[in-house]
Amino acid sequence: MSAAAAGSAPLPRVAVEVLASVAQHRVLSTAQVRAIHVPESGPRWAQRVLAGLERAGLVAHVHAVGESLRLWYVTERGARLADATGALDEAPKVLDAAEAAGQLQAHTLAVNDAGICLLEAARGRGDEFGALSWRHEVAHPLTRGRGRRRRQLVADALLTYLLVGEDEASLEQRFVELDRATLPVDRLAAGLARYAELHRARDERGEPAWRARYPAFPPVLCVLAGAPRSVLERRRATAIALLRSDPQLSRTPEAAIFICGLDDLQEAGPFAPIFLDPRDPGRPVDWLGGGAGATSGDEGPRR
């Protein structure tokens, strides 16, 4: 597949794929582009493709705060072209340079790091999870009111992963919440507990509203980052204690939550027992809720 901007030559297929990734994922580092598309290549491959897209006016870059790291985002022209390919579910959000370099930059990059961990595992296992298999800021109405009366829950991301077995395939969807330890831990727990409210939300016919979008209610993967391990472990323990006593979750056990650290996710992968479920925190599980050893030997390559 190739695409062209007005007055320019068609883009190579790989450049179109990279453009779509940058458009969908809002901000990507050069290393993340490489990890998503051609991890076995040298670092200059991603640099050349991104430089070509920048010369065409389709992407631009800023430097990470206090670092020489380049962060890439689509321009208005690049967003239009990415949308025209039909690869994206919706028109991409366009950032300006200030937004790409702003306070939410680290949060977006960390969400993408989590997505890349799933992508790497899928490659090693032969499952299906690609460059566009996670979407950012997915909004869900909690009430049927309008204007200020209308309340909603916005998941940091939604991922869709196809487990491929010998005899059958299984579609797995998960909400992702990325916490960088910037808010008090009670607010983290309260935000996670709102997924119980989403599970109970009803549409105009009195049916569960989530059923219009999902075959089953997706569990929540909460990924902790942005602080030393000791701080994150204490934060996880406190959040679990708060969630275990939360009345919304007590009434809605279908809203499952699994919490891990981003460092563990990157080092061990999602199929390792690195997650804790507040309903049974003494038994570490993998991202599917399986116990230790449930998927032994199935982990994909790690960075």
Protein backbone atom coordinates (compact mmCIF):
# COMPACT_ATOMS: atom_id res chain seq x y z
CA MET A 1 0.00 0.00 0.00
CA SER A 2 1.20 3.53 -0.74
CA ALA A 3 -0.21 6.99 -0.27
CA ALA A 4 0.67 10.43 -1.52
CA ALA A 5 0.19 13.96 -0.34
CA ALA A 6 -0.93 16.54 -2.83
CA GLY A 7 1.89 17.38 -5.20
CA SER A 8 4.29 14.72 -3.90
CA ALA A 9 5.36 11.22 -4.88
CA PRO A 10 3.65 8.21 -3.31
CA LEU A 11 5.04 7.19 0.06
CA PRO A 12 6.59 3.74 0.48
CA ARG A 13 4.39 1.30 2.34
CA VAL A 14 6.60 1.32 5.42
CA ALA A 15 6.43 5.11 5.60
CA VAL A 16 2.62 4.97 5.44
CA GLU A 17 2.60 2.42 8.28
CA VAL A 18 4.89 4.60 10.41
CA LEU A 19 2.77 7.66 9.69
CA ALA A 20 -0.36 5.80 10.81
CA SER A 21 1.37 4.75 14.04
CA VAL A 22 2.52 8.25 14.88
CA ALA A 23 -0.96 9.58 14.10
CA GLN A 24 -2.71 6.99 16.28
CA HIS A 25 -0.29 7.09 19.20
CA ARG A 26 0.10 10.89 19.31
CA VAL A 27 3.73 11.02 20.46
CA LEU A 28 6.35 8.36 19.74
CA SER A 29 10.09 8.35 20.30
CA THR A 30 12.40 7.14 17.54
CA ALA A 31 13.13 4.02 19.60
CA GLN A 32 9.41 3.31 19.96
CA VAL A 33 8.88 3.59 16.19
CA ARG A 34 11.69 1.11 15.70
CA ALA A 35 10.26 -1.28 18.33
CA ILE A 36 6.81 -1.16 16.77
CA HIS A 37 7.81 -1.64 13.14
CA VAL A 38 11.25 -3.21 12.64
CA PRO A 39 12.85 -4.12 15.99
CA GLU A 40 15.54 -6.21 14.31
CA SER A 41 16.82 -3.23 12.30
CA GLY A 42 19.49 -0.79 13.38
CA PRO A 43 18.47 2.54 14.91
CA ARG A 44 19.14 4.46 11.69
CA TRP A 45 16.25 2.75 9.88
CA ALA A 46 13.64 4.54 11.97
CA GLN A 47 15.61 7.78 11.80
CA ARG A 48 15.65 7.69 7.99
CA VAL A 49 11.93 6.94 7.66
CA LEU A 50 10.95 9.64 10.14
CA ALA A 51 13.29 12.17 8.53
CA GLY A 52 11.67 11.46 5.17
CA LEU A 53 8.20 11.99 6.62
CA GLU A 54 9.38 15.23 8.20
CA ARG A 55 10.79 16.50 4.90
CA ALA A 56 7.38 15.78 3.34
CA GLY A 57 5.73 17.90 6.02
CA LEU A 58 3.80 14.96 7.48
CA VAL A 59 5.45 14.69 10.91
CA ALA A 60 7.44 17.03 13.13
CA HIS A 61 9.55 16.51 16.23
CA VAL A 62 10.35 18.10 19.55
CA HIS A 63 12.94 17.13 22.13
CA ALA A 64 11.96 15.52 25.41
CA VAL A 65 12.29 17.90 28.34
CA GLY A 66 15.90 17.96 29.51
CA GLU A 67 16.97 15.30 26.98
CA SER A 68 18.15 15.00 23.39
CA LEU A 69 15.46 12.37 22.75
CA ARG A 70 13.35 13.17 19.67
CA LEU A 71 9.60 12.83 19.99
CA TRP A 72 7.50 12.65 16.83
CA TYR A 73 3.94 13.79 16.17
CA VAL A 74 1.84 14.28 13.03
CA THR A 75 1.19 17.63 11.41
CA GLU A 76 -2.25 18.65 10.13
CA ARG A 77 -1.21 17.46 6.69
CA GLY A 78 0.08 14.16 8.05
CA ALA A 79 -3.11 13.60 10.02
CA ARG A 80 -5.23 14.10 6.90
CA LEU A 81 -3.11 11.64 4.93
CA ALA A 82 -3.10 9.06 7.74
CA ASP A 83 -6.88 9.35 8.01
CA ALA A 84 -7.25 8.98 4.22
CA THR A 85 -5.45 5.60 4.27
CA GLY A 86 -8.43 4.08 6.12
CA ALA A 87 -6.12 2.38 8.63
CA LEU A 88 -7.37 4.38 11.61
CA ASP A 89 -10.70 3.97 13.39
CA GLU A 90 -11.12 7.71 13.78
CA ALA A 91 -9.50 10.97 12.75
CA PRO A 92 -6.24 11.39 14.69
CA LYS A 93 -5.74 14.08 17.29
CA VAL A 94 -3.23 16.66 16.13
CA LEU A 95 -0.83 18.17 18.66
CA ASP A 96 1.19 21.32 18.26
CA ALA A 97 4.82 21.53 19.33
CA ALA A 98 3.96 22.88 22.77
CA GLU A 99 1.53 20.03 23.43
CA ALA A 100 3.96 17.39 22.17
CA ALA A 101 6.59 18.73 24.55
CA GLY A 102 4.14 19.38 27.38
CA GLN A 103 3.35 17.76 30.69
CA LEU A 104 1.32 14.89 29.22
CA GLN A 105 4.21 13.80 27.02
CA ALA A 106 5.66 11.32 29.55
CA HIS A 107 2.22 9.84 30.21
CA THR A 108 1.56 9.22 26.50
CA LEU A 109 5.00 7.71 25.98
CA ALA A 110 4.45 5.36 28.94
CA VAL A 111 1.09 4.23 27.56
CA ASN A 112 2.86 3.46 24.30
CA ASP A 113 5.61 1.58 26.16
CA ALA A 114 2.92 -0.62 27.69
CA GLY A 115 1.39 -1.24 24.27
CA ILE A 116 4.80 -2.17 22.86
CA CYS A 117 5.21 -4.79 25.60
CA LEU A 118 2.04 -6.52 24.37
CA LEU A 119 3.23 -6.20 20.77
CA GLU A 120 6.57 -7.84 21.55
CA ALA A 121 4.85 -10.71 23.36
CA ALA A 122 2.47 -11.24 20.44
CA ARG A 123 5.38 -11.44 18.00
CA GLY A 124 7.08 -14.13 20.04
CA ARG A 125 3.90 -16.19 20.50
CA GLY A 126 2.37 -15.84 17.04
CA ASP A 127 -0.65 -13.90 18.36
CA GLU A 128 -2.19 -10.91 16.62
CA PHE A 129 -1.46 -7.52 18.15
CA GLY A 130 -0.06 -4.89 15.86
CA ALA A 131 0.98 -1.29 15.57
CA LEU A 132 -2.61 -0.01 15.76
CA SER A 133 -3.97 -2.46 18.33
CA TRP A 134 -4.24 0.11 21.11
CA ARG A 135 -6.16 3.38 21.06
CA HIS A 136 -5.76 6.34 23.37
CA GLU A 137 -8.37 8.17 25.45
CA VAL A 138 -11.45 6.08 24.75
CA ALA A 139 -14.52 7.81 26.18
CA HIS A 140 -17.55 6.02 27.68
CA PRO A 141 -20.71 7.74 28.89
CA LEU A 142 -21.73 7.07 32.48
CA THR A 143 -25.02 8.95 32.35
CA ARG A 144 -27.58 9.83 29.70
CA GLY A 145 -27.74 13.52 30.57
CA ARG A 146 -26.61 16.36 28.33
CA GLY A 147 -24.15 19.17 28.78
CA ARG A 148 -22.88 19.46 32.33
CA ARG A 149 -25.19 16.69 33.48
CA ARG A 150 -23.49 14.18 31.19
CA ARG A 151 -20.69 12.28 32.89
CA GLN A 152 -18.17 10.00 31.23
CA LEU A 153 -15.17 7.79 31.90
CA VAL A 154 -12.18 8.19 29.60
CA ALA A 155 -9.84 5.19 29.61
CA ASP A 156 -6.20 6.06 28.99
CA ALA A 157 -6.20 3.35 26.33
CA LEU A 158 -8.07 0.34 25.04
CA LEU A 159 -6.15 -2.61 23.64
CA THR A 160 -7.43 -5.48 21.52
CA TYR A 161 -5.35 -8.68 21.40
CA LEU A 162 -6.08 -11.90 19.53
CA LEU A 163 -4.74 -15.01 21.26
CA VAL A 164 -4.09 -17.63 18.60
CA GLY A 165 -4.25 -21.24 19.81
CA GLU A 166 -3.90 -24.52 17.94
CA ASP A 167 -7.65 -25.07 17.75
CA GLU A 168 -9.21 -21.68 18.33
CA ALA A 169 -8.58 -17.98 18.75
CA SER A 170 -9.68 -15.77 21.62
CA LEU A 171 -10.22 -12.01 21.42
CA GLU A 172 -9.03 -10.20 24.55
CA GLN A 173 -9.75 -6.55 25.23
CA ARG A 174 -8.43 -4.51 28.13
CA PHE A 175 -8.79 -1.01 29.42
CA VAL A 176 -5.41 0.52 30.30
CA GLU A 177 -4.84 3.07 33.02
CA LEU A 178 -1.32 4.50 33.24
CA ASP A 179 -0.40 6.06 36.58
CA ARG A 180 2.80 8.10 36.88
CA ALA A 181 2.47 8.76 40.62
CA THR A 182 1.52 12.38 40.02
CA LEU A 183 -1.82 12.19 41.88
CA PRO A 184 -2.58 11.14 45.47
CA VAL A 185 -3.07 7.39 45.68
CA ASP A 186 -6.66 7.76 46.86
CA ARG A 187 -7.49 9.50 43.59
CA LEU A 188 -5.86 6.64 41.68
CA ALA A 189 -8.05 4.13 43.53
CA ALA A 190 -11.16 6.25 43.03
CA GLY A 191 -10.47 6.47 39.31
CA LEU A 192 -10.10 2.71 39.04
CA ALA A 193 -13.28 2.15 41.03
CA ARG A 194 -15.22 4.17 38.46
CA TYR A 195 -15.02 1.18 36.12
CA ALA A 196 -17.60 -0.45 38.38
CA GLU A 197 -19.86 2.50 37.62
CA LEU A 198 -19.21 2.00 33.91
CA HIS A 199 -20.22 -1.64 34.22
CA ARG A 200 -23.50 -0.62 35.82
CA ALA A 201 -24.29 2.23 33.40
CA ARG A 202 -27.47 1.66 31.37
CA ASP A 203 -28.60 2.88 27.96
CA GLU A 204 -32.02 4.23 26.98
CA ARG A 205 -33.47 0.72 26.91
CA GLY A 206 -32.14 -0.12 30.35
CA GLU A 207 -29.47 -2.44 28.92
CA PRO A 208 -25.80 -2.32 30.02
CA ALA A 209 -24.32 0.48 27.91
CA TRP A 210 -20.98 -1.27 27.46
CA ARG A 211 -22.56 -4.15 25.52
CA ALA A 212 -22.98 -1.90 22.49
CA ARG A 213 -19.18 -1.80 22.18
CA TYR A 214 -17.72 -4.91 23.79
CA PRO A 215 -18.58 -8.64 23.66
CA ALA A 216 -17.50 -8.85 27.32
CA PHE A 217 -16.65 -6.15 29.82
CA PRO A 218 -12.88 -5.56 29.52
CA PRO A 219 -10.81 -5.89 32.69
CA VAL A 220 -8.57 -2.98 33.61
CA LEU A 221 -4.77 -3.13 33.45
CA CYS A 222 -3.35 -0.44 35.71
CA VAL A 223 0.34 0.18 34.97
CA LEU A 224 2.43 2.13 37.48
CA ALA A 225 5.40 4.23 36.39
CA GLY A 226 7.24 7.47 37.04
CA ALA A 227 8.78 6.73 40.46
CA PRO A 228 11.33 4.39 42.08
CA ARG A 229 10.27 0.77 42.53
CA SER A 230 9.89 1.07 46.30
CA VAL A 231 7.52 4.01 45.87
CA LEU A 232 5.46 2.20 43.25
CA GLU A 233 5.23 -0.98 45.34
CA ARG A 234 3.95 1.05 48.29
CA ARG A 235 1.55 2.86 45.98
CA ARG A 236 0.23 -0.42 44.63
CA ALA A 237 -0.25 -1.87 48.11
CA THR A 238 -2.14 1.22 49.25
CA ALA A 239 -4.32 1.29 46.12
CA ILE A 240 -5.17 -2.39 46.61
CA ALA A 241 -6.18 -1.78 50.22
CA LEU A 242 -8.45 1.07 49.13
CA LEU A 243 -9.97 -0.91 46.27
CA ARG A 244 -10.70 -3.90 48.49
CA SER A 245 -12.86 -1.71 50.69
CA ASP A 246 -14.51 0.25 47.90
CA PRO A 247 -18.31 -0.29 47.95
CA GLN A 248 -18.67 0.16 44.17
CA LEU A 249 -16.24 -2.65 43.43
CA SER A 250 -17.68 -4.83 46.18
CA ARG A 251 -21.06 -4.64 44.45
CA THR A 252 -19.54 -5.15 40.98
CA PRO A 253 -17.05 -8.02 40.97
CA GLU A 254 -17.31 -8.14 37.15
CA ALA A 255 -15.12 -5.01 37.00
CA ALA A 256 -11.75 -6.72 37.35
CA ILE A 257 -8.56 -4.73 37.93
CA PHE A 258 -4.97 -5.93 37.62
CA ILE A 259 -2.04 -3.75 38.72
CA CYS A 260 1.64 -3.99 37.74
CA GLY A 261 4.72 -1.82 37.34
CA LEU A 262 5.87 -0.70 33.91
CA ASP A 263 9.43 -1.81 34.67
CA ASP A 264 8.19 -5.34 35.40
CA LEU A 265 6.07 -5.32 32.26
CA GLN A 266 9.07 -4.35 30.15
CA GLU A 267 11.45 -6.78 31.83
CA ALA A 268 9.23 -9.88 32.16
CA GLY A 269 6.42 -9.30 29.68
CA PRO A 270 2.65 -9.47 30.13
CA PHE A 271 2.50 -13.27 30.34
CA ALA A 272 4.62 -13.32 33.50
CA PRO A 273 2.85 -13.30 36.91
CA ILE A 274 3.58 -9.64 37.61
CA PHE A 275 0.02 -8.37 38.17
CA LEU A 276 -1.88 -8.21 41.44
CA ASP A 277 -5.67 -8.47 41.56
CA PRO A 278 -7.13 -6.52 44.51
CA ARG A 279 -9.68 -9.32 44.98
CA ASP A 280 -6.86 -11.82 45.63
CA PRO A 281 -3.62 -9.85 46.10
CA GLY A 282 -1.68 -12.78 47.49
CA ARG A 283 -1.65 -14.57 44.12
CA PRO A 284 0.33 -12.83 41.35
CA VAL A 285 -1.15 -13.41 37.89
CA ASP A 286 -0.41 -12.60 34.27
CA TRP A 287 -2.39 -10.05 32.28
CA LEU A 288 -5.07 -12.65 31.50
CA GLY A 289 -5.55 -13.51 35.18
CA GLY A 290 -3.63 -16.79 35.02
CA GLY A 291 -1.40 -17.85 37.89
CA ALA A 292 2.34 -18.43 37.98
CA GLY A 293 3.48 -20.92 35.38
CA ALA A 294 0.21 -20.81 33.42
CA THR A 295 1.99 -19.66 30.29
CA SER A 296 5.52 -20.80 31.07
CA GLY A 297 7.84 -20.57 28.08
CA ASP A 298 5.41 -18.53 25.99
CA GLU A 299 6.90 -15.13 26.56
CA GLY A 300 8.12 -13.27 23.51
CA PRO A 301 11.48 -11.54 23.05
CA ARG A 302 12.29 -8.64 25.31
CA ARG A 303 13.99 -5.38 24.65
